[in-house]
N, C-alpha and C. Protein backbone atom coordinates (compact mmCIF):
# COMPACT_ATOMS: atom_id res chain seq x y z
N MET A 1 17.03 -21.81 -11.83
CA MET A 1 16.62 -20.55 -11.29
C MET A 1 15.67 -20.81 -10.12
N GLY A 2 15.91 -20.14 -9.00
CA GLY A 2 15.04 -20.26 -7.85
C GLY A 2 13.92 -19.24 -7.89
N HIS A 3 12.96 -19.44 -7.03
CA HIS A 3 11.82 -18.53 -6.95
C HIS A 3 11.62 -18.10 -5.50
N LYS A 4 11.34 -16.84 -5.30
CA LYS A 4 10.97 -16.29 -4.00
C LYS A 4 9.63 -15.61 -4.19
N ILE A 5 8.80 -15.65 -3.17
CA ILE A 5 7.49 -15.02 -3.24
C ILE A 5 7.37 -14.00 -2.11
N VAL A 6 7.02 -12.77 -2.46
CA VAL A 6 6.70 -11.74 -1.49
C VAL A 6 5.37 -11.13 -1.90
N GLU A 7 4.64 -10.64 -0.93
CA GLU A 7 3.40 -9.94 -1.24
C GLU A 7 3.71 -8.46 -1.32
N ALA A 8 3.09 -7.79 -2.29
CA ALA A 8 3.37 -6.38 -2.49
C ALA A 8 2.09 -5.65 -2.88
N ILE A 9 2.12 -4.35 -2.65
CA ILE A 9 1.04 -3.49 -3.12
C ILE A 9 1.65 -2.50 -4.10
N ILE A 10 1.10 -2.49 -5.30
CA ILE A 10 1.52 -1.53 -6.32
C ILE A 10 0.33 -0.64 -6.58
N GLU A 11 0.52 0.65 -6.42
CA GLU A 11 -0.57 1.60 -6.59
C GLU A 11 -0.16 2.64 -7.62
N ASP A 12 -0.98 2.80 -8.65
CA ASP A 12 -0.70 3.76 -9.72
C ASP A 12 0.69 3.55 -10.31
N GLY A 13 1.08 2.28 -10.46
CA GLY A 13 2.37 1.96 -11.07
C GLY A 13 3.56 2.11 -10.15
N GLN A 14 3.34 2.44 -8.88
CA GLN A 14 4.43 2.63 -7.93
C GLN A 14 4.35 1.57 -6.83
N LEU A 15 5.49 1.00 -6.48
CA LEU A 15 5.56 0.01 -5.42
C LEU A 15 5.36 0.72 -4.09
N LYS A 16 4.30 0.35 -3.35
CA LYS A 16 3.95 1.02 -2.09
C LYS A 16 4.31 0.18 -0.86
N TYR A 17 4.27 -1.16 -1.00
CA TYR A 17 4.51 -2.01 0.16
C TYR A 17 5.04 -3.35 -0.31
N VAL A 18 6.01 -3.90 0.43
CA VAL A 18 6.51 -5.26 0.18
C VAL A 18 6.68 -5.92 1.55
N ASN A 19 6.19 -7.16 1.70
CA ASN A 19 6.25 -7.82 3.00
C ASN A 19 7.55 -8.58 3.24
N GLY A 20 8.51 -8.46 2.35
CA GLY A 20 9.79 -9.13 2.51
C GLY A 20 10.90 -8.29 1.92
N LYS A 21 12.12 -8.69 2.16
CA LYS A 21 13.28 -7.94 1.66
C LYS A 21 13.54 -8.35 0.21
N LEU A 22 13.77 -7.37 -0.63
CA LEU A 22 14.11 -7.62 -2.03
C LEU A 22 15.62 -7.46 -2.21
N PRO A 23 16.21 -8.18 -3.16
CA PRO A 23 17.64 -8.05 -3.38
C PRO A 23 17.98 -6.70 -4.00
N LYS A 24 19.22 -6.28 -3.85
CA LYS A 24 19.67 -5.03 -4.47
C LYS A 24 19.76 -5.21 -5.97
N GLY A 25 19.69 -4.12 -6.68
CA GLY A 25 19.83 -4.17 -8.13
C GLY A 25 18.51 -4.43 -8.82
N LYS A 26 18.60 -4.83 -10.05
CA LYS A 26 17.43 -5.06 -10.89
C LYS A 26 16.94 -6.49 -10.71
N ILE A 27 15.61 -6.67 -10.62
CA ILE A 27 15.03 -8.00 -10.58
C ILE A 27 13.92 -8.09 -11.63
N ASP A 28 13.80 -9.25 -12.23
CA ASP A 28 12.71 -9.50 -13.18
C ASP A 28 11.58 -10.16 -12.41
N VAL A 29 10.35 -9.72 -12.64
CA VAL A 29 9.21 -10.27 -11.93
C VAL A 29 8.09 -10.60 -12.89
N HIS A 30 7.20 -11.49 -12.46
CA HIS A 30 5.94 -11.77 -13.15
C HIS A 30 4.85 -11.37 -12.19
N LEU A 31 3.98 -10.49 -12.61
CA LEU A 31 2.88 -10.05 -11.75
C LEU A 31 1.62 -10.81 -12.13
N ILE A 32 1.00 -11.41 -11.14
CA ILE A 32 -0.28 -12.08 -11.32
C ILE A 32 -1.22 -11.45 -10.31
N TYR A 33 -2.30 -10.88 -10.78
CA TYR A 33 -3.21 -10.20 -9.86
C TYR A 33 -4.65 -10.52 -10.20
N ASP A 34 -5.52 -10.33 -9.21
CA ASP A 34 -6.94 -10.63 -9.36
C ASP A 34 -7.69 -9.36 -9.75
N THR A 35 -8.68 -9.53 -10.60
CA THR A 35 -9.57 -8.43 -10.94
C THR A 35 -10.98 -8.90 -10.66
N ALA A 36 -11.71 -8.09 -9.93
CA ALA A 36 -13.07 -8.46 -9.56
C ALA A 36 -14.03 -8.36 -10.75
N ASP A 37 -13.75 -7.44 -11.64
CA ASP A 37 -14.70 -7.19 -12.72
C ASP A 37 -14.38 -7.92 -14.02
N GLU A 38 -13.22 -8.55 -14.11
CA GLU A 38 -12.83 -9.24 -15.34
C GLU A 38 -12.51 -10.71 -15.05
N PRO A 39 -13.40 -11.62 -15.39
CA PRO A 39 -13.06 -13.04 -15.21
C PRO A 39 -11.99 -13.46 -16.22
N LEU A 40 -11.11 -14.35 -15.81
CA LEU A 40 -10.07 -14.83 -16.72
C LEU A 40 -10.67 -15.72 -17.80
N ARG A 41 -10.15 -15.56 -18.99
CA ARG A 41 -10.57 -16.45 -20.06
C ARG A 41 -9.83 -17.77 -19.94
N GLU A 42 -10.40 -18.80 -20.53
CA GLU A 42 -9.82 -20.14 -20.42
C GLU A 42 -8.38 -20.19 -20.92
N LYS A 43 -8.08 -19.51 -22.02
CA LYS A 43 -6.71 -19.51 -22.56
C LYS A 43 -5.75 -18.82 -21.60
N GLU A 44 -6.20 -17.72 -20.98
CA GLU A 44 -5.34 -17.01 -20.03
C GLU A 44 -5.05 -17.87 -18.81
N MET A 45 -6.07 -18.58 -18.31
CA MET A 45 -5.88 -19.46 -17.16
C MET A 45 -4.89 -20.58 -17.50
N ALA A 46 -5.02 -21.17 -18.66
CA ALA A 46 -4.12 -22.25 -19.07
C ALA A 46 -2.68 -21.73 -19.16
N LYS A 47 -2.50 -20.52 -19.66
CA LYS A 47 -1.16 -19.94 -19.78
C LYS A 47 -0.55 -19.71 -18.40
N ILE A 48 -1.34 -19.16 -17.47
CA ILE A 48 -0.84 -18.92 -16.11
C ILE A 48 -0.46 -20.24 -15.44
N LEU A 49 -1.31 -21.25 -15.57
CA LEU A 49 -1.01 -22.55 -14.98
C LEU A 49 0.26 -23.16 -15.57
N ALA A 50 0.44 -23.03 -16.87
CA ALA A 50 1.63 -23.57 -17.52
C ALA A 50 2.89 -22.87 -17.02
N GLU A 51 2.81 -21.55 -16.82
CA GLU A 51 3.98 -20.78 -16.37
C GLU A 51 4.34 -21.06 -14.92
N THR A 52 3.35 -21.37 -14.08
CA THR A 52 3.61 -21.51 -12.65
C THR A 52 3.55 -22.95 -12.14
N SER A 53 3.28 -23.91 -12.98
CA SER A 53 3.03 -25.28 -12.52
C SER A 53 4.24 -25.95 -11.88
N GLY A 54 5.46 -25.60 -12.24
CA GLY A 54 6.63 -26.28 -11.70
C GLY A 54 7.26 -25.61 -10.50
N ILE A 55 6.69 -24.53 -10.02
CA ILE A 55 7.33 -23.77 -8.95
C ILE A 55 7.41 -24.55 -7.64
N TYR A 56 6.37 -25.30 -7.30
CA TYR A 56 6.30 -25.96 -6.00
C TYR A 56 6.30 -27.49 -6.11
N LYS A 57 7.13 -28.04 -6.96
CA LYS A 57 7.13 -29.49 -7.20
C LYS A 57 7.43 -30.30 -5.94
N GLU A 58 8.30 -29.81 -5.06
CA GLU A 58 8.72 -30.59 -3.90
C GLU A 58 7.79 -30.44 -2.70
N ILE A 59 6.73 -29.67 -2.80
CA ILE A 59 5.82 -29.45 -1.68
C ILE A 59 4.67 -30.45 -1.72
N ASP A 60 4.41 -31.05 -0.56
CA ASP A 60 3.27 -31.96 -0.42
C ASP A 60 2.05 -31.13 -0.02
N ALA A 61 1.12 -30.95 -0.93
CA ALA A 61 -0.02 -30.06 -0.71
C ALA A 61 -0.87 -30.48 0.48
N ALA A 62 -1.09 -31.77 0.67
CA ALA A 62 -1.92 -32.25 1.78
C ALA A 62 -1.29 -31.90 3.13
N THR A 63 0.01 -32.09 3.25
CA THR A 63 0.72 -31.77 4.50
C THR A 63 0.69 -30.28 4.76
N GLU A 64 0.92 -29.48 3.73
CA GLU A 64 0.90 -28.03 3.88
C GLU A 64 -0.49 -27.54 4.27
N ALA A 65 -1.52 -28.12 3.68
CA ALA A 65 -2.90 -27.75 4.03
C ALA A 65 -3.19 -28.09 5.49
N MET A 66 -2.72 -29.23 5.95
CA MET A 66 -2.90 -29.64 7.34
C MET A 66 -2.21 -28.65 8.28
N LYS A 67 -0.98 -28.26 7.96
CA LYS A 67 -0.25 -27.29 8.79
C LYS A 67 -0.98 -25.96 8.86
N LEU A 68 -1.47 -25.50 7.71
CA LEU A 68 -2.21 -24.24 7.70
C LEU A 68 -3.47 -24.33 8.55
N ARG A 69 -4.19 -25.42 8.40
CA ARG A 69 -5.44 -25.58 9.16
C ARG A 69 -5.15 -25.62 10.65
N GLU A 70 -4.09 -26.30 11.05
CA GLU A 70 -3.72 -26.36 12.47
C GLU A 70 -3.38 -24.96 12.99
N SER A 71 -2.73 -24.15 12.19
CA SER A 71 -2.38 -22.82 12.64
C SER A 71 -3.60 -21.90 12.72
N TRP A 72 -4.63 -22.16 11.93
CA TRP A 72 -5.83 -21.34 11.93
C TRP A 72 -6.79 -21.72 13.05
N GLU A 73 -6.88 -23.02 13.37
CA GLU A 73 -7.87 -23.51 14.32
C GLU A 73 -7.19 -23.97 15.60
N ARG A 74 -7.55 -23.38 16.71
CA ARG A 74 -6.91 -23.70 17.98
C ARG A 74 -7.16 -25.14 18.43
N ASP A 75 -8.38 -25.64 18.28
CA ASP A 75 -8.72 -26.96 18.78
C ASP A 75 -8.82 -28.01 17.66
N PHE A 76 -8.05 -27.83 16.62
CA PHE A 76 -8.08 -28.78 15.50
C PHE A 76 -7.37 -30.06 15.91
N HIS A 77 -8.03 -31.20 15.68
CA HIS A 77 -7.44 -32.51 15.98
C HIS A 77 -7.33 -33.31 14.70
N LYS A 78 -6.22 -33.99 14.54
CA LYS A 78 -5.98 -34.78 13.33
C LYS A 78 -6.87 -35.99 13.29
């Protein structure tokens, strides 16, 4: 099974905005969101990490971080 990531805004249980095209028909999703007033418990964090740990196996984090930094900073030199 492949994974696609889009950013979305859900307000009052209704989808208000999606930054990418979604496929037609029904899709199953996992929602992970931040709450400012509720810190995650250790068990919840471990569960989230276990569920999402294999999604980006083929990505080199150091290279991706370098690309992001280069795009953010105009005069960044390696």
